[in-house]
Full PDB file with SEQRES, HELIX, SHEET, SSBOND, CRYST1, ORIGX, SCALE, CONECT and MASTER records, all heavy atoms in Angstrom:
SEQRES   1 A   47  CYS ILE VAL SER SER LEU GLN ASP GLY MET ASN LEU VAL          
SEQRES   2 A   47  ALA LYS GLU TYR VAL ALA SER GLN VAL ASP ARG ASN GLY          
SEQRES   3 A   47  VAL LEU MET LEU SER LEU PHE ALA GLY ALA ALA GLU ALA          
SEQRES   4 A   47  MET GLU ASP ALA LEU HIS ILE ASN                              
HELIX    1 AA1 VAL A   13  SER A   20  1                                   8    
HELIX    2 AA2 GLY A   35  GLU A   38  5                                   4    
SHEET    1 AA1 3 ILE A   2  VAL A   3  0                                        
SHEET    2 AA1 3 MET A  29  SER A  31  1                                        
SHEET    3 AA1 3 LEU A  44  ILE A  46  1                                        
CRYST1    1.000    1.000    1.000  90.00  90.00  90.00 P 1           1          
ORIGX1      1.000000  0.000000  0.000000        0.00000                         
ORIGX2      0.000000  1.000000  0.000000        0.00000                         
ORIGX3      0.000000  0.000000  1.000000        0.00000                         
SCALE1      1.000000  0.000000  0.000000        0.00000                         
SCALE2      0.000000  1.000000  0.000000        0.00000                         
SCALE3      0.000000  0.000000  1.000000        0.00000                         
ATOM      1  N   CYS A   1      -1.620   5.996  -5.416  1.00  0.00           N  
ATOM      2  CA  CYS A   1      -0.749   6.249  -4.223  1.00  0.00           C  
ATOM      3  C   CYS A   1       0.428   5.278  -4.363  1.00  0.00           C  
ATOM      4  O   CYS A   1       0.228   4.042  -4.516  1.00  0.00           O  
ATOM      5  CB  CYS A   1      -1.518   6.008  -2.911  1.00  0.00           C  
ATOM      6  SG  CYS A   1      -0.470   6.156  -1.437  1.00  0.00           S  
ATOM      7  N   ILE A   2       1.645   5.816  -4.282  1.00  0.00           N  
ATOM      8  CA  ILE A   2       2.841   4.984  -4.460  1.00  0.00           C  
ATOM      9  C   ILE A   2       3.574   4.928  -3.164  1.00  0.00           C  
ATOM     10  O   ILE A   2       4.060   5.957  -2.597  1.00  0.00           O  
ATOM     11  CB  ILE A   2       3.757   5.554  -5.584  1.00  0.00           C  
ATOM     12  CG1 ILE A   2       2.994   5.674  -6.890  1.00  0.00           C  
ATOM     13  CG2 ILE A   2       4.993   4.635  -5.762  1.00  0.00           C  
ATOM     14  CD1 ILE A   2       3.898   6.287  -7.999  1.00  0.00           C  
ATOM     15  N   VAL A   3       3.717   3.696  -2.584  1.00  0.00           N  
ATOM     16  CA  VAL A   3       4.517   3.392  -1.380  1.00  0.00           C  
ATOM     17  C   VAL A   3       5.672   2.565  -1.905  1.00  0.00           C  
ATOM     18  O   VAL A   3       5.538   1.442  -2.311  1.00  0.00           O  
ATOM     19  CB  VAL A   3       3.683   2.621  -0.367  1.00  0.00           C  
ATOM     20  CG1 VAL A   3       4.558   2.224   0.784  1.00  0.00           C  
ATOM     21  CG2 VAL A   3       2.500   3.465   0.063  1.00  0.00           C  
ATOM     22  N   SER A   4       6.903   3.186  -1.807  1.00  0.00           N  
ATOM     23  CA  SER A   4       8.008   2.615  -2.443  1.00  0.00           C  
ATOM     24  C   SER A   4       9.129   2.133  -1.381  1.00  0.00           C  
ATOM     25  O   SER A   4      10.291   2.155  -1.698  1.00  0.00           O  
ATOM     26  CB  SER A   4       8.740   3.603  -3.409  1.00  0.00           C  
ATOM     27  OG  SER A   4       9.031   4.784  -2.735  1.00  0.00           O  
ATOM     28  N   SER A   5       8.670   1.778  -0.215  1.00  0.00           N  
ATOM     29  CA  SER A   5       9.639   1.395   0.866  1.00  0.00           C  
ATOM     30  C   SER A   5      10.622   0.343   0.406  1.00  0.00           C  
ATOM     31  O   SER A   5      10.277  -0.650  -0.209  1.00  0.00           O  
ATOM     32  CB  SER A   5       8.874   0.904   2.061  1.00  0.00           C  
ATOM     33  OG  SER A   5       7.874   1.861   2.489  1.00  0.00           O  
ATOM     34  N   LEU A   6      11.910   0.542   0.831  1.00  0.00           N  
ATOM     35  CA  LEU A   6      12.923  -0.414   0.578  1.00  0.00           C  
ATOM     36  C   LEU A   6      12.938  -1.469   1.707  1.00  0.00           C  
ATOM     37  O   LEU A   6      13.361  -2.608   1.464  1.00  0.00           O  
ATOM     38  CB  LEU A   6      14.315   0.221   0.492  1.00  0.00           C  
ATOM     39  CG  LEU A   6      14.412   1.360  -0.578  1.00  0.00           C  
ATOM     40  CD1 LEU A   6      15.860   1.844  -0.548  1.00  0.00           C  
ATOM     41  CD2 LEU A   6      14.007   0.834  -1.920  1.00  0.00           C  
ATOM     42  N   GLN A   7      12.493  -1.067   2.842  1.00  0.00           N  
ATOM     43  CA  GLN A   7      12.306  -1.968   4.053  1.00  0.00           C  
ATOM     44  C   GLN A   7      11.422  -1.224   5.043  1.00  0.00           C  
ATOM     45  O   GLN A   7      11.785  -0.126   5.456  1.00  0.00           O  
ATOM     46  CB  GLN A   7      13.638  -2.360   4.688  1.00  0.00           C  
ATOM     47  CG  GLN A   7      13.607  -3.419   5.689  1.00  0.00           C  
ATOM     48  CD  GLN A   7      13.214  -4.795   5.213  1.00  0.00           C  
ATOM     49  OE1 GLN A   7      12.731  -5.613   5.947  1.00  0.00           O  
ATOM     50  NE2 GLN A   7      13.466  -5.030   3.924  1.00  0.00           N  
ATOM     51  N   ASP A   8      10.327  -1.833   5.435  1.00  0.00           N  
ATOM     52  CA  ASP A   8       9.356  -1.128   6.275  1.00  0.00           C  
ATOM     53  C   ASP A   8       8.703  -2.109   7.217  1.00  0.00           C  
ATOM     54  O   ASP A   8       8.255  -3.156   6.765  1.00  0.00           O  
ATOM     55  CB  ASP A   8       8.328  -0.398   5.458  1.00  0.00           C  
ATOM     56  CG  ASP A   8       8.052   1.025   5.968  1.00  0.00           C  
ATOM     57  OD1 ASP A   8       8.296   1.305   7.142  1.00  0.00           O  
ATOM     58  OD2 ASP A   8       7.582   1.866   5.131  1.00  0.00           O  
ATOM     59  N   GLY A   9       8.646  -1.798   8.473  1.00  0.00           N  
ATOM     60  CA  GLY A   9       7.939  -2.694   9.434  1.00  0.00           C  
ATOM     61  C   GLY A   9       6.472  -2.932   9.047  1.00  0.00           C  
ATOM     62  O   GLY A   9       6.046  -4.058   9.026  1.00  0.00           O  
ATOM     63  N   MET A  10       5.746  -1.842   8.692  1.00  0.00           N  
ATOM     64  CA  MET A  10       4.383  -1.952   8.286  1.00  0.00           C  
ATOM     65  C   MET A  10       4.115  -0.972   7.109  1.00  0.00           C  
ATOM     66  O   MET A  10       3.844  -1.369   6.036  1.00  0.00           O  
ATOM     67  CB  MET A  10       3.402  -1.693   9.459  1.00  0.00           C  
ATOM     68  CG  MET A  10       1.951  -1.812   9.107  1.00  0.00           C  
ATOM     69  SD  MET A  10       1.427  -3.344   8.241  1.00  0.00           S  
ATOM     70  CE  MET A  10       1.889  -4.599   9.430  1.00  0.00           C  
ATOM     71  N   ASN A  11       4.183   0.290   7.354  1.00  0.00           N  
ATOM     72  CA  ASN A  11       3.788   1.376   6.504  1.00  0.00           C  
ATOM     73  C   ASN A  11       2.254   1.622   6.595  1.00  0.00           C  
ATOM     74  O   ASN A  11       1.419   0.969   5.914  1.00  0.00           O  
ATOM     75  CB  ASN A  11       4.234   1.234   5.094  1.00  0.00           C  
ATOM     76  CG  ASN A  11       4.100   2.588   4.316  1.00  0.00           C  
ATOM     77  OD1 ASN A  11       2.980   2.977   4.009  1.00  0.00           O  
ATOM     78  ND2 ASN A  11       5.180   3.263   4.143  1.00  0.00           N  
ATOM     79  N   LEU A  12       1.854   2.648   7.370  1.00  0.00           N  
ATOM     80  CA  LEU A  12       0.508   2.973   7.603  1.00  0.00           C  
ATOM     81  C   LEU A  12      -0.079   3.858   6.547  1.00  0.00           C  
ATOM     82  O   LEU A  12      -1.282   3.984   6.445  1.00  0.00           O  
ATOM     83  CB  LEU A  12       0.320   3.604   9.009  1.00  0.00           C  
ATOM     84  CG  LEU A  12       0.680   2.668  10.175  1.00  0.00           C  
ATOM     85  CD1 LEU A  12       0.483   3.366  11.479  1.00  0.00           C  
ATOM     86  CD2 LEU A  12      -0.071   1.329  10.113  1.00  0.00           C  
ATOM     87  N   VAL A  13       0.795   4.484   5.699  1.00  0.00           N  
ATOM     88  CA  VAL A  13       0.298   5.305   4.645  1.00  0.00           C  
ATOM     89  C   VAL A  13      -0.605   4.501   3.698  1.00  0.00           C  
ATOM     90  O   VAL A  13      -1.631   4.977   3.201  1.00  0.00           O  
ATOM     91  CB  VAL A  13       1.457   5.948   3.848  1.00  0.00           C  
ATOM     92  CG1 VAL A  13       0.971   6.595   2.551  1.00  0.00           C  
ATOM     93  CG2 VAL A  13       2.117   7.029   4.749  1.00  0.00           C  
ATOM     94  N   ALA A  14      -0.203   3.258   3.420  1.00  0.00           N  
ATOM     95  CA  ALA A  14      -0.997   2.429   2.543  1.00  0.00           C  
ATOM     96  C   ALA A  14      -2.399   2.211   3.116  1.00  0.00           C  
ATOM     97  O   ALA A  14      -3.419   2.282   2.368  1.00  0.00           O  
ATOM     98  CB  ALA A  14      -0.284   1.090   2.383  1.00  0.00           C  
ATOM     99  N   LYS A  15      -2.549   2.054   4.400  1.00  0.00           N  
ATOM    100  CA  LYS A  15      -3.827   1.841   5.039  1.00  0.00           C  
ATOM    101  C   LYS A  15      -4.641   3.119   5.130  1.00  0.00           C  
ATOM    102  O   LYS A  15      -5.830   3.140   4.927  1.00  0.00           O  
ATOM    103  CB  LYS A  15      -3.630   1.202   6.398  1.00  0.00           C  
ATOM    104  CG  LYS A  15      -2.901  -0.116   6.338  1.00  0.00           C  
ATOM    105  CD  LYS A  15      -2.859  -0.847   7.671  1.00  0.00           C  
ATOM    106  CE  LYS A  15      -2.146  -2.182   7.588  1.00  0.00           C  
ATOM    107  NZ  LYS A  15      -2.227  -3.016   8.728  1.00  0.00           N  
ATOM    108  N   GLU A  16      -3.913   4.283   5.388  1.00  0.00           N  
ATOM    109  CA  GLU A  16      -4.594   5.543   5.378  1.00  0.00           C  
ATOM    110  C   GLU A  16      -5.169   5.873   4.007  1.00  0.00           C  
ATOM    111  O   GLU A  16      -6.347   6.383   3.923  1.00  0.00           O  
ATOM    112  CB  GLU A  16      -3.636   6.630   5.783  1.00  0.00           C  
ATOM    113  CG  GLU A  16      -3.133   6.578   7.186  1.00  0.00           C  
ATOM    114  CD  GLU A  16      -1.932   7.489   7.508  1.00  0.00           C  
ATOM    115  OE1 GLU A  16      -1.521   8.202   6.613  1.00  0.00           O  
ATOM    116  OE2 GLU A  16      -1.463   7.462   8.660  1.00  0.00           O  
ATOM    117  N   TYR A  17      -4.415   5.539   2.913  1.00  0.00           N  
ATOM    118  CA  TYR A  17      -4.942   5.789   1.575  1.00  0.00           C  
ATOM    119  C   TYR A  17      -6.217   4.991   1.311  1.00  0.00           C  
ATOM    120  O   TYR A  17      -7.220   5.488   0.814  1.00  0.00           O  
ATOM    121  CB  TYR A  17      -3.906   5.484   0.576  1.00  0.00           C  
ATOM    122  CG  TYR A  17      -4.322   5.633  -0.893  1.00  0.00           C  
ATOM    123  CD1 TYR A  17      -4.591   6.903  -1.430  1.00  0.00           C  
ATOM    124  CD2 TYR A  17      -4.490   4.568  -1.712  1.00  0.00           C  
ATOM    125  CE1 TYR A  17      -4.944   7.081  -2.746  1.00  0.00           C  
ATOM    126  CE2 TYR A  17      -4.902   4.633  -2.992  1.00  0.00           C  
ATOM    127  CZ  TYR A  17      -5.114   5.952  -3.541  1.00  0.00           C  
ATOM    128  OH  TYR A  17      -5.510   6.095  -4.847  1.00  0.00           O  
ATOM    129  N   VAL A  18      -6.156   3.712   1.630  1.00  0.00           N  
ATOM    130  CA  VAL A  18      -7.368   2.822   1.414  1.00  0.00           C  
ATOM    131  C   VAL A  18      -8.525   3.255   2.220  1.00  0.00           C  
ATOM    132  O   VAL A  18      -9.657   3.326   1.712  1.00  0.00           O  
ATOM    133  CB  VAL A  18      -6.938   1.393   1.740  1.00  0.00           C  
ATOM    134  CG1 VAL A  18      -8.173   0.485   1.760  1.00  0.00           C  
ATOM    135  CG2 VAL A  18      -5.937   0.816   0.765  1.00  0.00           C  
ATOM    136  N   ALA A  19      -8.344   3.630   3.465  1.00  0.00           N  
ATOM    137  CA  ALA A  19      -9.431   4.132   4.338  1.00  0.00           C  
ATOM    138  C   ALA A  19     -10.112   5.394   3.737  1.00  0.00           C  
ATOM    139  O   ALA A  19     -11.279   5.606   3.915  1.00  0.00           O  
ATOM    140  CB  ALA A  19      -8.965   4.321   5.728  1.00  0.00           C  
ATOM    141  N   SER A  20      -9.264   6.281   3.190  1.00  0.00           N  
ATOM    142  CA  SER A  20      -9.743   7.555   2.653  1.00  0.00           C  
ATOM    143  C   SER A  20     -10.379   7.435   1.308  1.00  0.00           C  
ATOM    144  O   SER A  20     -11.011   8.397   0.810  1.00  0.00           O  
ATOM    145  CB  SER A  20      -8.636   8.563   2.619  1.00  0.00           C  
ATOM    146  OG  SER A  20      -7.999   8.688   3.878  1.00  0.00           O  
ATOM    147  N   GLN A  21     -10.226   6.320   0.628  1.00  0.00           N  
ATOM    148  CA  GLN A  21     -10.737   6.201  -0.778  1.00  0.00           C  
ATOM    149  C   GLN A  21     -12.243   5.889  -0.762  1.00  0.00           C  
ATOM    150  O   GLN A  21     -12.645   4.751  -1.241  1.00  0.00           O  
ATOM    151  CB  GLN A  21      -9.913   5.088  -1.487  1.00  0.00           C  
ATOM    152  CG  GLN A  21      -8.692   5.593  -2.154  1.00  0.00           C  
ATOM    153  CD  GLN A  21      -9.020   6.360  -3.446  1.00  0.00           C  
ATOM    154  OE1 GLN A  21      -9.737   5.790  -4.344  1.00  0.00           O  
ATOM    155  NE2 GLN A  21      -8.524   7.536  -3.647  1.00  0.00           N  
ATOM    156  N   VAL A  22     -13.039   6.772  -0.298  1.00  0.00           N  
ATOM    157  CA  VAL A  22     -14.487   6.543  -0.221  1.00  0.00           C  
ATOM    158  C   VAL A  22     -15.105   6.481  -1.581  1.00  0.00           C  
ATOM    159  O   VAL A  22     -16.211   5.846  -1.710  1.00  0.00           O  
ATOM    160  CB  VAL A  22     -15.140   7.660   0.690  1.00  0.00           C  
ATOM    161  CG1 VAL A  22     -14.633   7.574   2.082  1.00  0.00           C  
ATOM    162  CG2 VAL A  22     -14.915   9.014   0.090  1.00  0.00           C  
ATOM    163  N   ASP A  23     -14.484   7.044  -2.620  1.00  0.00           N  
ATOM    164  CA  ASP A  23     -15.101   6.942  -3.990  1.00  0.00           C  
ATOM    165  C   ASP A  23     -14.563   5.765  -4.690  1.00  0.00           C  
ATOM    166  O   ASP A  23     -15.089   5.455  -5.793  1.00  0.00           O  
ATOM    167  CB  ASP A  23     -14.768   8.236  -4.757  1.00  0.00           C  
ATOM    168  CG  ASP A  23     -15.191   9.458  -4.045  1.00  0.00           C  
ATOM    169  OD1 ASP A  23     -16.372   9.569  -3.667  1.00  0.00           O  
ATOM    170  OD2 ASP A  23     -14.335  10.388  -3.810  1.00  0.00           O  
ATOM    171  N   ARG A  24     -13.595   5.091  -4.217  1.00  0.00           N  
ATOM    172  CA  ARG A  24     -12.952   3.877  -4.803  1.00  0.00           C  
ATOM    173  C   ARG A  24     -12.459   4.133  -6.239  1.00  0.00           C  
ATOM    174  O   ARG A  24     -12.647   3.285  -7.104  1.00  0.00           O  
ATOM    175  CB  ARG A  24     -13.908   2.725  -4.707  1.00  0.00           C  
ATOM    176  CG  ARG A  24     -14.268   2.276  -3.335  1.00  0.00           C  
ATOM    177  CD  ARG A  24     -15.312   1.213  -3.256  1.00  0.00           C  
ATOM    178  NE  ARG A  24     -15.555   0.824  -1.858  1.00  0.00           N  
ATOM    179  CZ  ARG A  24     -16.629   0.144  -1.523  1.00  0.00           C  
ATOM    180  NH1 ARG A  24     -17.545  -0.277  -2.386  1.00  0.00           N  
ATOM    181  NH2 ARG A  24     -16.860  -0.186  -0.257  1.00  0.00           N  
ATOM    182  N   ASN A  25     -11.846   5.250  -6.415  1.00  0.00           N  
ATOM    183  CA  ASN A  25     -11.322   5.595  -7.752  1.00  0.00           C  
ATOM    184  C   ASN A  25      -9.799   5.310  -7.883  1.00  0.00           C  
ATOM    185  O   ASN A  25      -9.265   5.436  -8.943  1.00  0.00           O  
ATOM    186  CB  ASN A  25     -11.590   7.088  -8.044  1.00  0.00           C  
ATOM    187  CG  ASN A  25     -13.057   7.393  -8.305  1.00  0.00           C  
ATOM    188  OD1 ASN A  25     -13.794   6.554  -8.766  1.00  0.00           O  
ATOM    189  ND2 ASN A  25     -13.475   8.578  -7.833  1.00  0.00           N  
ATOM    190  N   GLY A  26      -9.185   5.101  -6.762  1.00  0.00           N  
ATOM    191  CA  GLY A  26      -7.704   5.050  -6.755  1.00  0.00           C  
ATOM    192  C   GLY A  26      -7.120   3.661  -6.822  1.00  0.00           C  
ATOM    193  O   GLY A  26      -7.792   2.680  -6.575  1.00  0.00           O  
ATOM    194  N   VAL A  27      -5.818   3.663  -7.052  1.00  0.00           N  
ATOM    195  CA  VAL A  27      -5.036   2.421  -7.071  1.00  0.00           C  
ATOM    196  C   VAL A  27      -3.872   2.560  -6.069  1.00  0.00           C  
ATOM    197  O   VAL A  27      -3.130   3.514  -6.141  1.00  0.00           O  
ATOM    198  CB  VAL A  27      -4.466   2.096  -8.500  1.00  0.00           C  
ATOM    199  CG1 VAL A  27      -3.653   0.823  -8.504  1.00  0.00           C  
ATOM    200  CG2 VAL A  27      -5.624   1.995  -9.500  1.00  0.00           C  
ATOM    201  N   LEU A  28      -3.719   1.579  -5.210  1.00  0.00           N  
ATOM    202  CA  LEU A  28      -2.611   1.501  -4.275  1.00  0.00           C  
ATOM    203  C   LEU A  28      -1.524   0.748  -4.907  1.00  0.00           C  
ATOM    204  O   LEU A  28      -1.644  -0.448  -5.229  1.00  0.00           O  
ATOM    205  CB  LEU A  28      -3.032   0.894  -2.974  1.00  0.00           C  
ATOM    206  CG  LEU A  28      -1.898   0.614  -1.955  1.00  0.00           C  
ATOM    207  CD1 LEU A  28      -1.258   1.936  -1.529  1.00  0.00           C  
ATOM    208  CD2 LEU A  28      -2.459  -0.167  -0.766  1.00  0.00           C  
ATOM    209  N   MET A  29      -0.321   1.389  -5.059  1.00  0.00           N  
ATOM    210  CA  MET A  29       0.900   0.774  -5.510  1.00  0.00           C  
ATOM    211  C   MET A  29       1.824   0.569  -4.332  1.00  0.00           C  
ATOM    212  O   MET A  29       2.277   1.529  -3.735  1.00  0.00           O  
ATOM    213  CB  MET A  29       1.567   1.567  -6.627  1.00  0.00           C  
ATOM    214  CG  MET A  29       0.622   1.849  -7.774  1.00  0.00           C  
ATOM    215  SD  MET A  29       1.527   2.555  -9.176  1.00  0.00           S  
ATOM    216  CE  MET A  29       2.585   1.233  -9.627  1.00  0.00           C  
ATOM    217  N   LEU A  30       2.063  -0.646  -3.923  1.00  0.00           N  
ATOM    218  CA  LEU A  30       2.659  -0.968  -2.627  1.00  0.00           C  
ATOM    219  C   LEU A  30       3.923  -1.790  -2.842  1.00  0.00           C  
ATOM    220  O   LEU A  30       3.943  -2.860  -3.487  1.00  0.00           O  
ATOM    221  CB  LEU A  30       1.662  -1.701  -1.746  1.00  0.00           C  
ATOM    222  CG  LEU A  30       2.093  -2.099  -0.361  1.00  0.00           C  
ATOM    223  CD1 LEU A  30       2.507  -0.905   0.430  1.00  0.00           C  
ATOM    224  CD2 LEU A  30       0.916  -2.772   0.362  1.00  0.00           C  
ATOM    225  N   SER A  31       5.012  -1.301  -2.243  1.00  0.00           N  
ATOM    226  CA  SER A  31       6.270  -2.090  -2.306  1.00  0.00           C  
ATOM    227  C   SER A  31       6.148  -3.424  -1.681  1.00  0.00           C  
ATOM    228  O   SER A  31       5.475  -3.636  -0.601  1.00  0.00           O  
ATOM    229  CB  SER A  31       7.364  -1.270  -1.583  1.00  0.00           C  
ATOM    230  OG  SER A  31       8.514  -2.068  -1.356  1.00  0.00           O  
ATOM    231  N   LEU A  32       6.770  -4.438  -2.317  1.00  0.00           N  
ATOM    232  CA  LEU A  32       6.862  -5.755  -1.752  1.00  0.00           C  
ATOM    233  C   LEU A  32       7.590  -5.809  -0.420  1.00  0.00           C  
ATOM    234  O   LEU A  32       7.422  -6.779   0.338  1.00  0.00           O  
ATOM    235  CB  LEU A  32       7.551  -6.674  -2.737  1.00  0.00           C  
ATOM    236  CG  LEU A  32       6.803  -7.008  -4.031  1.00  0.00           C  
ATOM    237  CD1 LEU A  32       7.785  -7.589  -5.084  1.00  0.00           C  
ATOM    238  CD2 LEU A  32       5.680  -7.954  -3.816  1.00  0.00           C  
ATOM    239  N   PHE A  33       8.363  -4.761  -0.121  1.00  0.00           N  
ATOM    240  CA  PHE A  33       9.200  -4.810   1.076  1.00  0.00           C  
ATOM    241  C   PHE A  33       8.554  -4.001   2.216  1.00  0.00           C  
ATOM    242  O   PHE A  33       9.272  -3.739   3.248  1.00  0.00           O  
ATOM    243  CB  PHE A  33      10.597  -4.311   0.670  1.00  0.00           C  
ATOM    244  CG  PHE A  33      11.091  -4.978  -0.503  1.00  0.00           C  
ATOM    245  CD1 PHE A  33      11.344  -4.317  -1.721  1.00  0.00           C  
ATOM    246  CD2 PHE A  33      11.379  -6.359  -0.481  1.00  0.00           C  
ATOM    247  CE1 PHE A  33      11.831  -4.982  -2.812  1.00  0.00           C  
ATOM    248  CE2 PHE A  33      11.870  -7.003  -1.574  1.00  0.00           C  
ATOM    249  CZ  PHE A  33      12.069  -6.330  -2.754  1.00  0.00           C  
ATOM    250  N   ALA A  34       7.334  -3.546   2.113  1.00  0.00           N  
ATOM    251  CA  ALA A  34       6.599  -2.922   3.151  1.00  0.00           C  
ATOM    252  C   ALA A  34       5.821  -4.025   3.887  1.00  0.00           C  
ATOM    253  O   ALA A  34       5.261  -4.893   3.176  1.00  0.00           O  
ATOM    254  CB  ALA A  34       5.683  -1.833   2.682  1.00  0.00           C  
ATOM    255  N   GLY A  35       5.823  -3.990   5.204  1.00  0.00           N  
ATOM    256  CA  GLY A  35       5.050  -5.035   5.920  1.00  0.00           C  
ATOM    257  C   GLY A  35       3.646  -5.112   5.536  1.00  0.00           C  
ATOM    258  O   GLY A  35       2.992  -6.174   5.553  1.00  0.00           O  
ATOM    259  N   ALA A  36       3.031  -3.982   5.160  1.00  0.00           N  
ATOM    260  CA  ALA A  36       1.637  -3.990   4.769  1.00  0.00           C  
ATOM    261  C   ALA A  36       1.299  -4.862   3.615  1.00  0.00           C  
ATOM    262  O   ALA A  36       0.174  -5.291   3.376  1.00  0.00           O  
ATOM    263  CB  ALA A  36       1.161  -2.530   4.529  1.00  0.00           C  
ATOM    264  N   ALA A  37       2.315  -5.102   2.746  1.00  0.00           N  
ATOM    265  CA  ALA A  37       2.063  -5.913   1.530  1.00  0.00           C  
ATOM    266  C   ALA A  37       1.610  -7.289   1.859  1.00  0.00           C  
ATOM    267  O   ALA A  37       0.948  -7.960   0.983  1.00  0.00           O  
ATOM    268  CB  ALA A  37       3.333  -5.935   0.680  1.00  0.00           C  
ATOM    269  N   GLU A  38       1.977  -7.835   3.009  1.00  0.00           N  
ATOM    270  CA  GLU A  38       1.619  -9.193   3.311  1.00  0.00           C  
ATOM    271  C   GLU A  38       0.135  -9.433   3.379  1.00  0.00           C  
ATOM    272  O   GLU A  38      -0.399 -10.409   2.939  1.00  0.00           O  
ATOM    273  CB  GLU A  38       2.269  -9.608   4.618  1.00  0.00           C  
ATOM    274  CG  GLU A  38       2.008 -11.057   5.001  1.00  0.00           C  
ATOM    275  CD  GLU A  38       2.893 -11.580   6.093  1.00  0.00           C  
ATOM    276  OE1 GLU A  38       4.102 -11.542   5.946  1.00  0.00           O  
ATOM    277  OE2 GLU A  38       2.352 -11.981   7.168  1.00  0.00           O  
ATOM    278  N   ALA A  39      -0.629  -8.467   3.894  1.00  0.00           N  
ATOM    279  CA  ALA A  39      -2.080  -8.560   4.091  1.00  0.00           C  
ATOM    280  C   ALA A  39      -2.834  -7.914   2.922  1.00  0.00           C  
ATOM    281  O   ALA A  39      -4.022  -8.219   2.684  1.00  0.00           O  
ATOM    282  CB  ALA A  39      -2.534  -8.018   5.390  1.00  0.00           C  
ATOM    283  N   MET A  40      -2.204  -6.905   2.255  1.00  0.00           N  
ATOM    284  CA  MET A  40      -2.899  -6.168   1.248  1.00  0.00           C  
ATOM    285  C   MET A  40      -2.604  -6.724  -0.173  1.00  0.00           C  
ATOM    286  O   MET A  40      -1.925  -6.175  -1.016  1.00  0.00           O  
ATOM    287  CB  MET A  40      -2.505  -4.694   1.290  1.00  0.00           C  
ATOM    288  CG  MET A  40      -2.731  -4.120   2.699  1.00  0.00           C  
ATOM    289  SD  MET A  40      -2.310  -2.314   2.878  1.00  0.00           S  
ATOM    290  CE  MET A  40      -3.912  -1.622   2.333  1.00  0.00           C  
ATOM    291  N   GLU A  41      -3.178  -7.887  -0.372  1.00  0.00           N  
ATOM    292  CA  GLU A  41      -2.894  -8.646  -1.578  1.00  0.00           C  
ATOM    293  C   GLU A  41      -3.543  -8.018  -2.845  1.00  0.00           C  
ATOM    294  O   GLU A  41      -3.043  -8.264  -3.929  1.00  0.00           O  
ATOM    295  CB  GLU A  41      -3.468 -10.115  -1.424  1.00  0.00           C  
ATOM    296  CG  GLU A  41      -2.770 -10.901  -0.354  1.00  0.00           C  
ATOM    297  CD  GLU A  41      -3.353 -12.318  -0.223  1.00  0.00           C  
ATOM    298  OE1 GLU A  41      -4.361 -12.629  -0.906  1.00  0.00           O  
ATOM    299  OE2 GLU A  41      -2.802 -13.092   0.643  1.00  0.00           O  
ATOM    300  N   ASP A  42      -4.512  -7.221  -2.680  1.00  0.00           N  
ATOM    301  CA  ASP A  42      -5.166  -6.604  -3.847  1.00  0.00           C  
ATOM    302  C   ASP A  42      -4.541  -5.277  -4.266  1.00  0.00           C  
ATOM    303  O   ASP A  42      -4.974  -4.623  -5.188  1.00  0.00           O  
ATOM    304  CB  ASP A  42      -6.660  -6.362  -3.558  1.00  0.00           C  
ATOM    305  CG  ASP A  42      -7.425  -7.654  -3.731  1.00  0.00           C  
ATOM    306  OD1 ASP A  42      -7.670  -8.096  -4.836  1.00  0.00           O  
ATOM    307  OD2 ASP A  42      -7.792  -8.272  -2.684  1.00  0.00           O  
ATOM    308  N   ALA A  43      -3.417  -4.851  -3.547  1.00  0.00           N  
ATOM    309  CA  ALA A  43      -2.657  -3.734  -4.010  1.00  0.00           C  
ATOM    310  C   ALA A  43      -1.862  -4.124  -5.244  1.00  0.00           C  
ATOM    311  O   ALA A  43      -1.655  -5.296  -5.526  1.00  0.00           O  
ATOM    312  CB  ALA A  43      -1.746  -3.231  -2.963  1.00  0.00           C  
ATOM    313  N   LEU A  44      -1.458  -3.166  -6.032  1.00  0.00           N  
ATOM    314  CA  LEU A  44      -0.568  -3.343  -7.160  1.00  0.00           C  
ATOM    315  C   LEU A  44       0.901  -3.376  -6.620  1.00  0.00           C  
ATOM    316  O   LEU A  44       1.423  -2.343  -6.311  1.00  0.00           O  
ATOM    317  CB  LEU A  44      -0.736  -2.238  -8.229  1.00  0.00           C  
ATOM    318  CG  LEU A  44      -0.287  -2.553  -9.632  1.00  0.00           C  
ATOM    319  CD1 LEU A  44      -1.001  -3.719 -10.228  1.00  0.00           C  
ATOM    320  CD2 LEU A  44      -0.505  -1.317 -10.504  1.00  0.00           C  
ATOM    321  N   HIS A  45       1.428  -4.550  -6.464  1.00  0.00           N  
ATOM    322  CA  HIS A  45       2.776  -4.623  -5.795  1.00  0.00           C  
ATOM    323  C   HIS A  45       3.867  -4.238  -6.772  1.00  0.00           C  
ATOM    324  O   HIS A  45       3.846  -4.561  -7.951  1.00  0.00           O  
ATOM    325  CB  HIS A  45       2.987  -6.045  -5.320  1.00  0.00           C  
ATOM    326  CG  HIS A  45       2.119  -6.425  -4.150  1.00  0.00           C  
ATOM    327  ND1 HIS A  45       1.727  -7.709  -3.857  1.00  0.00           N  
ATOM    328  CD2 HIS A  45       1.446  -5.588  -3.240  1.00  0.00           C  
ATOM    329  CE1 HIS A  45       0.960  -7.675  -2.808  1.00  0.00           C  
ATOM    330  NE2 HIS A  45       0.793  -6.435  -2.407  1.00  0.00           N  
ATOM    331  N   ILE A  46       4.860  -3.528  -6.203  1.00  0.00           N  
ATOM    332  CA  ILE A  46       6.013  -3.067  -6.975  1.00  0.00           C  
ATOM    333  C   ILE A  46       7.325  -3.414  -6.307  1.00  0.00           C  
ATOM    334  O   ILE A  46       7.359  -3.674  -5.062  1.00  0.00           O  
ATOM    335  CB  ILE A  46       5.942  -1.558  -7.226  1.00  0.00           C  
ATOM    336  CG1 ILE A  46       5.968  -0.811  -5.850  1.00  0.00           C  
ATOM    337  CG2 ILE A  46       4.818  -1.153  -8.090  1.00  0.00           C  
ATOM    338  CD1 ILE A  46       6.091   0.687  -6.026  1.00  0.00           C  
ATOM    339  N   ASN A  47       8.387  -3.517  -7.076  1.00  0.00           N  
ATOM    340  CA  ASN A  47       9.713  -3.730  -6.570  1.00  0.00           C  
ATOM    341  C   ASN A  47      10.485  -2.397  -6.778  1.00  0.00           C  
ATOM    342  O   ASN A  47      10.913  -2.075  -7.906  1.00  0.00           O  
ATOM    343  CB  ASN A  47      10.437  -4.836  -7.287  1.00  0.00           C  
ATOM    344  CG  ASN A  47      11.844  -5.112  -6.751  1.00  0.00           C  
ATOM    345  OD1 ASN A  47      12.408  -4.267  -6.054  1.00  0.00           O  
ATOM    346  ND2 ASN A  47      12.456  -6.227  -7.171  1.00  0.00           N  
TER     347      ASN A  47                                                      
MASTER        0    0    0    2    3    0    0    6  346    1    0    4          
END                                                                             
């Protein structure tokens, strides 16, 4: 799942993806500029 926000207060898509990953097969790619990146340290952060 790729979240590529240039500026985002939070971005709930990142959290929806993680909550739905019941098989734990996926990788969250999360922009450094989404608010969610601050708490989701185990995401693969992107610029």
